Amino acid sequence: MRIIVYGSLRRKQGNSHWMTNAQWLGDHELDGYALYNLGHYPAAVHGEGKIYCEVYRINSSIMAELDELKSNTKDYRRELIATPYGSAWIYLYIRSLDGVERIKGGDWVKRLQDEQ
C-alpha cells in the first residue's frame, strides 16, 4: 500500500521518523487541494490550488501506526486518491479552518518563506 504525505511526515520534518521503514517512491504535486498551517503540522483539504507531497510504499504496521497517530486528534479522515505511483492514502482535515492561515504556496517545508 502507499501513502501520500504533505507535512510533518515529509523527509527532514518533525514527524519524519514515522516513515523510517517506508520506501520513498517520489515527490508529487497534488492539484485540487489547499494546505493550512495548524502550528506544528498542516491540514490538507479539497480546494483551489495544489500541495507538494511525497509518496511512500508502506506496510500494514506503518499504516496502523499512522492511523493511531491521526486518530488521536480525531481531526483527520483517510481517503484513497490517484497518484503517478498508484493509488495512495491521504489524511484530510475534517474540522473547521475558519481563521486558520492558508499556506499559499502549498508547500509545508517552504511555509516560512511564504510568510515573507
N, C-alpha and C. Protein backbone atom coordinates (compact mmCIF):
# COMPACT_ATOMS: atom_id res chain seq x y z
N MET A 1 0.84 -1.18 0.00
CA MET A 1 0.00 0.00 0.00
C MET A 1 0.88 1.23 0.00
N ARG A 2 0.26 2.35 -0.40
CA ARG A 2 1.00 3.60 -0.49
C ARG A 2 0.30 4.69 0.31
N ILE A 3 1.11 5.69 0.72
CA ILE A 3 0.58 6.85 1.42
C ILE A 3 1.21 8.09 0.83
N ILE A 4 0.44 9.16 0.79
CA ILE A 4 0.94 10.45 0.31
C ILE A 4 0.93 11.40 1.51
N VAL A 5 2.08 12.01 1.78
CA VAL A 5 2.22 12.89 2.95
C VAL A 5 2.61 14.29 2.49
N TYR A 6 2.15 15.29 3.24
CA TYR A 6 2.31 16.68 2.81
C TYR A 6 2.87 17.60 3.88
N GLY A 7 3.14 17.09 5.07
CA GLY A 7 3.55 17.99 6.15
C GLY A 7 4.66 17.44 7.01
N SER A 8 4.37 17.25 8.28
CA SER A 8 5.40 16.88 9.25
C SER A 8 5.92 15.46 9.06
N LEU A 9 5.28 14.64 8.22
CA LEU A 9 5.77 13.30 7.92
C LEU A 9 6.77 13.29 6.76
N ARG A 10 6.90 14.43 6.07
CA ARG A 10 7.84 14.51 4.95
C ARG A 10 9.28 14.42 5.46
N ARG A 11 10.18 14.12 4.54
CA ARG A 11 11.61 14.00 4.87
C ARG A 11 12.11 15.25 5.59
N LYS A 12 12.92 15.03 6.61
CA LYS A 12 13.57 16.08 7.40
C LYS A 12 12.58 16.98 8.14
N GLN A 13 11.38 16.50 8.37
CA GLN A 13 10.39 17.25 9.13
C GLN A 13 10.19 16.58 10.49
N GLY A 14 9.46 17.23 11.36
CA GLY A 14 9.34 16.82 12.76
C GLY A 14 8.86 15.41 13.02
N ASN A 15 8.00 14.87 12.17
CA ASN A 15 7.48 13.52 12.37
C ASN A 15 7.98 12.53 11.33
N SER A 16 9.04 12.88 10.61
CA SER A 16 9.55 12.00 9.55
C SER A 16 10.03 10.65 10.08
N HIS A 17 10.32 10.57 11.38
CA HIS A 17 10.76 9.29 11.96
C HIS A 17 9.69 8.20 11.81
N TRP A 18 8.42 8.60 11.66
CA TRP A 18 7.35 7.61 11.45
C TRP A 18 7.51 6.91 10.10
N MET A 19 8.26 7.52 9.18
CA MET A 19 8.43 6.98 7.83
C MET A 19 9.77 6.26 7.65
N THR A 20 10.50 6.03 8.72
CA THR A 20 11.83 5.42 8.65
C THR A 20 11.85 4.12 7.86
N ASN A 21 10.85 3.26 8.06
CA ASN A 21 10.82 1.96 7.37
C ASN A 21 9.95 1.95 6.13
N ALA A 22 9.57 3.14 5.66
CA ALA A 22 8.79 3.25 4.43
C ALA A 22 9.72 3.44 3.25
N GLN A 23 9.26 3.06 2.07
CA GLN A 23 10.05 3.24 0.85
C GLN A 23 9.57 4.49 0.12
N TRP A 24 10.45 5.49 0.00
CA TRP A 24 10.10 6.71 -0.72
C TRP A 24 9.99 6.38 -2.20
N LEU A 25 8.85 6.75 -2.82
CA LEU A 25 8.64 6.50 -4.24
C LEU A 25 8.87 7.74 -5.08
N GLY A 26 8.61 8.93 -4.50
CA GLY A 26 8.85 10.15 -5.23
C GLY A 26 8.02 11.31 -4.73
N ASP A 27 8.30 12.47 -5.29
CA ASP A 27 7.55 13.68 -4.97
C ASP A 27 6.35 13.80 -5.92
N HIS A 28 5.35 14.56 -5.49
CA HIS A 28 4.16 14.74 -6.31
C HIS A 28 3.49 16.06 -5.98
N GLU A 29 3.03 16.77 -6.99
CA GLU A 29 2.22 17.97 -6.80
C GLU A 29 0.76 17.55 -6.96
N LEU A 30 -0.02 17.76 -5.93
CA LEU A 30 -1.40 17.30 -5.89
C LEU A 30 -2.34 18.48 -6.17
N ASP A 31 -3.00 18.46 -7.32
CA ASP A 31 -3.92 19.53 -7.71
C ASP A 31 -5.28 19.34 -7.05
N GLY A 32 -5.95 20.49 -6.80
CA GLY A 32 -7.29 20.45 -6.24
C GLY A 32 -7.34 20.37 -4.72
N TYR A 33 -6.24 20.78 -4.07
CA TYR A 33 -6.16 20.74 -2.61
C TYR A 33 -5.57 22.05 -2.10
N ALA A 34 -5.90 22.38 -0.85
CA ALA A 34 -5.34 23.55 -0.18
C ALA A 34 -4.70 23.10 1.13
N LEU A 35 -3.67 23.83 1.56
CA LEU A 35 -2.92 23.49 2.75
C LEU A 35 -3.01 24.63 3.75
N TYR A 36 -3.22 24.28 5.03
CA TYR A 36 -3.36 25.27 6.10
C TYR A 36 -2.37 24.97 7.21
N ASN A 37 -1.94 26.02 7.91
CA ASN A 37 -0.95 25.91 8.97
C ASN A 37 -1.64 25.83 10.33
N LEU A 38 -1.55 24.66 10.97
CA LEU A 38 -2.13 24.46 12.29
C LEU A 38 -1.10 24.64 13.40
N GLY A 39 0.09 25.08 13.05
CA GLY A 39 1.15 25.28 14.04
C GLY A 39 2.27 24.27 13.84
N HIS A 40 2.17 23.13 14.53
CA HIS A 40 3.22 22.11 14.43
C HIS A 40 3.02 21.16 13.26
N TYR A 41 1.88 21.24 12.62
CA TYR A 41 1.58 20.37 11.49
C TYR A 41 0.51 21.05 10.64
N PRO A 42 0.35 20.60 9.38
CA PRO A 42 -0.61 21.24 8.49
C PRO A 42 -1.93 20.47 8.40
N ALA A 43 -2.86 21.09 7.70
CA ALA A 43 -4.14 20.47 7.36
C ALA A 43 -4.32 20.58 5.86
N ALA A 44 -4.66 19.49 5.21
CA ALA A 44 -4.96 19.50 3.78
C ALA A 44 -6.45 19.23 3.60
N VAL A 45 -7.05 19.98 2.67
CA VAL A 45 -8.47 19.82 2.35
C VAL A 45 -8.64 19.96 0.84
N HIS A 46 -9.77 19.46 0.34
CA HIS A 46 -10.11 19.72 -1.06
C HIS A 46 -10.26 21.22 -1.23
N GLY A 47 -9.74 21.77 -2.30
CA GLY A 47 -9.84 23.22 -2.52
C GLY A 47 -9.06 23.66 -3.74
N GLU A 48 -9.03 24.96 -3.93
CA GLU A 48 -8.31 25.55 -5.06
C GLU A 48 -6.81 25.49 -4.79
N GLY A 49 -6.05 25.13 -5.78
CA GLY A 49 -4.60 25.15 -5.67
C GLY A 49 -3.99 23.77 -5.72
N LYS A 50 -2.73 23.71 -5.30
CA LYS A 50 -2.03 22.43 -5.27
C LYS A 50 -1.14 22.39 -4.04
N ILE A 51 -0.84 21.18 -3.62
CA ILE A 51 0.06 20.99 -2.49
C ILE A 51 1.19 20.05 -2.90
N TYR A 52 2.33 20.25 -2.26
CA TYR A 52 3.52 19.45 -2.55
C TYR A 52 3.60 18.30 -1.56
N CYS A 53 3.79 17.10 -2.10
CA CYS A 53 3.70 15.88 -1.30
C CYS A 53 4.84 14.92 -1.63
N GLU A 54 4.94 13.90 -0.80
CA GLU A 54 5.83 12.77 -1.04
C GLU A 54 4.99 11.50 -0.96
N VAL A 55 5.29 10.56 -1.83
CA VAL A 55 4.56 9.29 -1.86
C VAL A 55 5.51 8.18 -1.39
N TYR A 56 4.98 7.32 -0.51
CA TYR A 56 5.74 6.21 0.06
C TYR A 56 4.99 4.90 -0.08
N ARG A 57 5.75 3.82 -0.19
CA ARG A 57 5.19 2.48 -0.05
C ARG A 57 5.37 2.11 1.41
N ILE A 58 4.29 1.65 2.02
CA ILE A 58 4.33 1.30 3.44
C ILE A 58 3.69 -0.07 3.64
N ASN A 59 3.97 -0.65 4.80
CA ASN A 59 3.33 -1.92 5.15
C ASN A 59 2.17 -1.66 6.11
N SER A 60 1.45 -2.71 6.44
CA SER A 60 0.25 -2.55 7.27
C SER A 60 0.57 -2.07 8.68
N SER A 61 1.75 -2.41 9.20
CA SER A 61 2.07 -1.95 10.56
C SER A 61 2.33 -0.43 10.58
N ILE A 62 2.98 0.12 9.53
CA ILE A 62 3.16 1.57 9.45
C ILE A 62 1.81 2.25 9.31
N MET A 63 0.93 1.67 8.47
CA MET A 63 -0.40 2.25 8.30
C MET A 63 -1.14 2.28 9.63
N ALA A 64 -1.05 1.21 10.39
CA ALA A 64 -1.72 1.15 11.70
C ALA A 64 -1.16 2.22 12.64
N GLU A 65 0.15 2.42 12.63
CA GLU A 65 0.77 3.44 13.48
C GLU A 65 0.32 4.84 13.07
N LEU A 66 0.25 5.09 11.76
CA LEU A 66 -0.18 6.40 11.29
C LEU A 66 -1.66 6.63 11.59
N ASP A 67 -2.47 5.59 11.44
CA ASP A 67 -3.89 5.71 11.80
C ASP A 67 -4.03 6.05 13.28
N GLU A 68 -3.22 5.43 14.11
CA GLU A 68 -3.26 5.71 15.55
C GLU A 68 -2.83 7.15 15.82
N LEU A 69 -1.77 7.59 15.17
CA LEU A 69 -1.29 8.96 15.32
C LEU A 69 -2.37 9.97 14.93
N LYS A 70 -3.00 9.75 13.79
CA LYS A 70 -4.01 10.68 13.29
C LYS A 70 -5.33 10.56 14.07
N SER A 71 -5.69 9.37 14.51
CA SER A 71 -6.97 9.22 15.21
C SER A 71 -6.93 9.79 16.62
N ASN A 72 -5.74 9.96 17.16
CA ASN A 72 -5.62 10.57 18.49
C ASN A 72 -6.19 11.98 18.50
N THR A 73 -6.13 12.68 17.37
CA THR A 73 -6.65 14.04 17.30
C THR A 73 -8.11 14.06 16.86
N LYS A 74 -8.57 13.01 16.20
CA LYS A 74 -9.93 12.93 15.65
C LYS A 74 -10.21 14.07 14.65
N ASP A 75 -9.15 14.60 14.05
CA ASP A 75 -9.27 15.73 13.14
C ASP A 75 -9.11 15.35 11.67
N TYR A 76 -8.76 14.09 11.39
CA TYR A 76 -8.46 13.67 10.03
C TYR A 76 -9.26 12.43 9.65
N ARG A 77 -9.50 12.30 8.34
CA ARG A 77 -10.02 11.04 7.80
C ARG A 77 -9.13 10.64 6.63
N ARG A 78 -9.06 9.37 6.40
CA ARG A 78 -8.19 8.85 5.35
C ARG A 78 -9.01 8.66 4.07
N GLU A 79 -8.42 9.07 2.93
CA GLU A 79 -9.09 8.95 1.64
C GLU A 79 -8.10 8.39 0.62
N LEU A 80 -8.57 7.53 -0.26
CA LEU A 80 -7.73 6.94 -1.30
C LEU A 80 -7.78 7.82 -2.54
N ILE A 81 -6.61 8.22 -3.04
CA ILE A 81 -6.53 9.08 -4.22
C ILE A 81 -5.53 8.49 -5.23
N ALA A 82 -5.61 8.97 -6.46
CA ALA A 82 -4.70 8.52 -7.51
C ALA A 82 -3.43 9.37 -7.50
N THR A 83 -2.29 8.71 -7.70
CA THR A 83 -1.00 9.39 -7.85
C THR A 83 -0.27 8.73 -9.03
N PRO A 84 0.81 9.33 -9.52
CA PRO A 84 1.58 8.69 -10.58
C PRO A 84 2.21 7.36 -10.14
N TYR A 85 2.24 7.10 -8.84
CA TYR A 85 2.84 5.88 -8.30
C TYR A 85 1.79 4.84 -7.95
N GLY A 86 0.54 5.09 -8.31
CA GLY A 86 -0.58 4.22 -7.97
C GLY A 86 -1.44 4.87 -6.90
N SER A 87 -2.53 4.22 -6.56
CA SER A 87 -3.42 4.75 -5.54
C SER A 87 -2.68 4.86 -4.21
N ALA A 88 -2.98 5.95 -3.48
CA ALA A 88 -2.32 6.19 -2.19
C ALA A 88 -3.33 6.79 -1.22
N TRP A 89 -3.14 6.51 0.04
CA TRP A 89 -3.97 7.08 1.10
C TRP A 89 -3.45 8.46 1.47
N ILE A 90 -4.38 9.38 1.74
CA ILE A 90 -4.03 10.71 2.22
C ILE A 90 -4.92 11.02 3.41
N TYR A 91 -4.38 11.72 4.39
CA TYR A 91 -5.17 12.15 5.54
C TYR A 91 -5.66 13.58 5.28
N LEU A 92 -6.99 13.74 5.26
CA LEU A 92 -7.59 15.05 5.03
C LEU A 92 -8.22 15.56 6.32
N TYR A 93 -8.10 16.85 6.53
CA TYR A 93 -8.60 17.50 7.74
C TYR A 93 -10.12 17.63 7.66
N ILE A 94 -10.81 17.37 8.78
CA ILE A 94 -12.28 17.38 8.76
C ILE A 94 -12.89 18.46 9.65
N ARG A 95 -12.09 19.25 10.33
CA ARG A 95 -12.61 20.30 11.22
C ARG A 95 -12.66 21.64 10.47
N SER A 96 -13.28 22.61 11.09
CA SER A 96 -13.37 23.95 10.51
C SER A 96 -11.98 24.59 10.44
N LEU A 97 -11.75 25.32 9.38
CA LEU A 97 -10.49 26.04 9.21
C LEU A 97 -10.72 27.55 9.22
N ASP A 98 -11.85 27.98 9.75
CA ASP A 98 -12.13 29.41 9.86
C ASP A 98 -11.05 30.09 10.69
N GLY A 99 -10.46 31.13 10.13
CA GLY A 99 -9.43 31.89 10.83
C GLY A 99 -8.05 31.26 10.80
N VAL A 100 -7.90 30.10 10.16
CA VAL A 100 -6.60 29.44 10.08
C VAL A 100 -5.87 29.92 8.83
N GLU A 101 -4.58 30.19 8.98
CA GLU A 101 -3.77 30.71 7.87
C GLU A 101 -3.54 29.65 6.80
N ARG A 102 -3.85 30.01 5.56
CA ARG A 102 -3.58 29.12 4.44
C ARG A 102 -2.12 29.25 4.04
N ILE A 103 -1.50 28.15 3.70
CA ILE A 103 -0.13 28.15 3.17
C ILE A 103 -0.27 28.34 1.66
N LYS A 104 -0.13 29.57 1.23
CA LYS A 104 -0.44 29.94 -0.15
C LYS A 104 0.37 29.16 -1.18
N GLY A 105 1.63 28.89 -0.90
CA GLY A 105 2.47 28.15 -1.83
C GLY A 105 2.20 26.66 -1.87
N GLY A 106 1.43 26.15 -0.89
CA GLY A 106 1.08 24.74 -0.87
C GLY A 106 2.20 23.81 -0.45
N ASP A 107 3.28 24.36 0.10
CA ASP A 107 4.44 23.53 0.47
C ASP A 107 4.76 23.75 1.95
N TRP A 108 4.51 22.73 2.77
CA TRP A 108 4.76 22.81 4.21
C TRP A 108 6.21 23.15 4.51
N VAL A 109 7.15 22.56 3.76
CA VAL A 109 8.57 22.77 4.01
C VAL A 109 8.96 24.23 3.76
N LYS A 110 8.31 24.88 2.82
CA LYS A 110 8.64 26.27 2.46
C LYS A 110 7.66 27.28 3.07
N ARG A 111 6.87 26.89 4.04
CA ARG A 111 5.82 27.75 4.59
C ARG A 111 6.36 29.04 5.17
N LEU A 112 7.54 29.01 5.78
CA LEU A 112 8.10 30.21 6.39
C LEU A 112 8.52 31.22 5.31
N GLN A 113 8.96 30.73 4.17
CA GLN A 113 9.32 31.60 3.05
C GLN A 113 8.08 32.29 2.51
N ASP A 114 6.94 31.58 2.52
CA ASP A 114 5.68 32.14 2.02
C ASP A 114 5.23 33.32 2.85
N GLU A 115 5.59 33.34 4.14
CA GLU A 115 5.15 34.41 5.04
C GLU A 115 5.91 35.71 4.80
N GLN A 116 7.09 35.63 4.19
CA GLN A 116 7.92 36.82 4.00
C GLN A 116 7.48 37.64 2.83
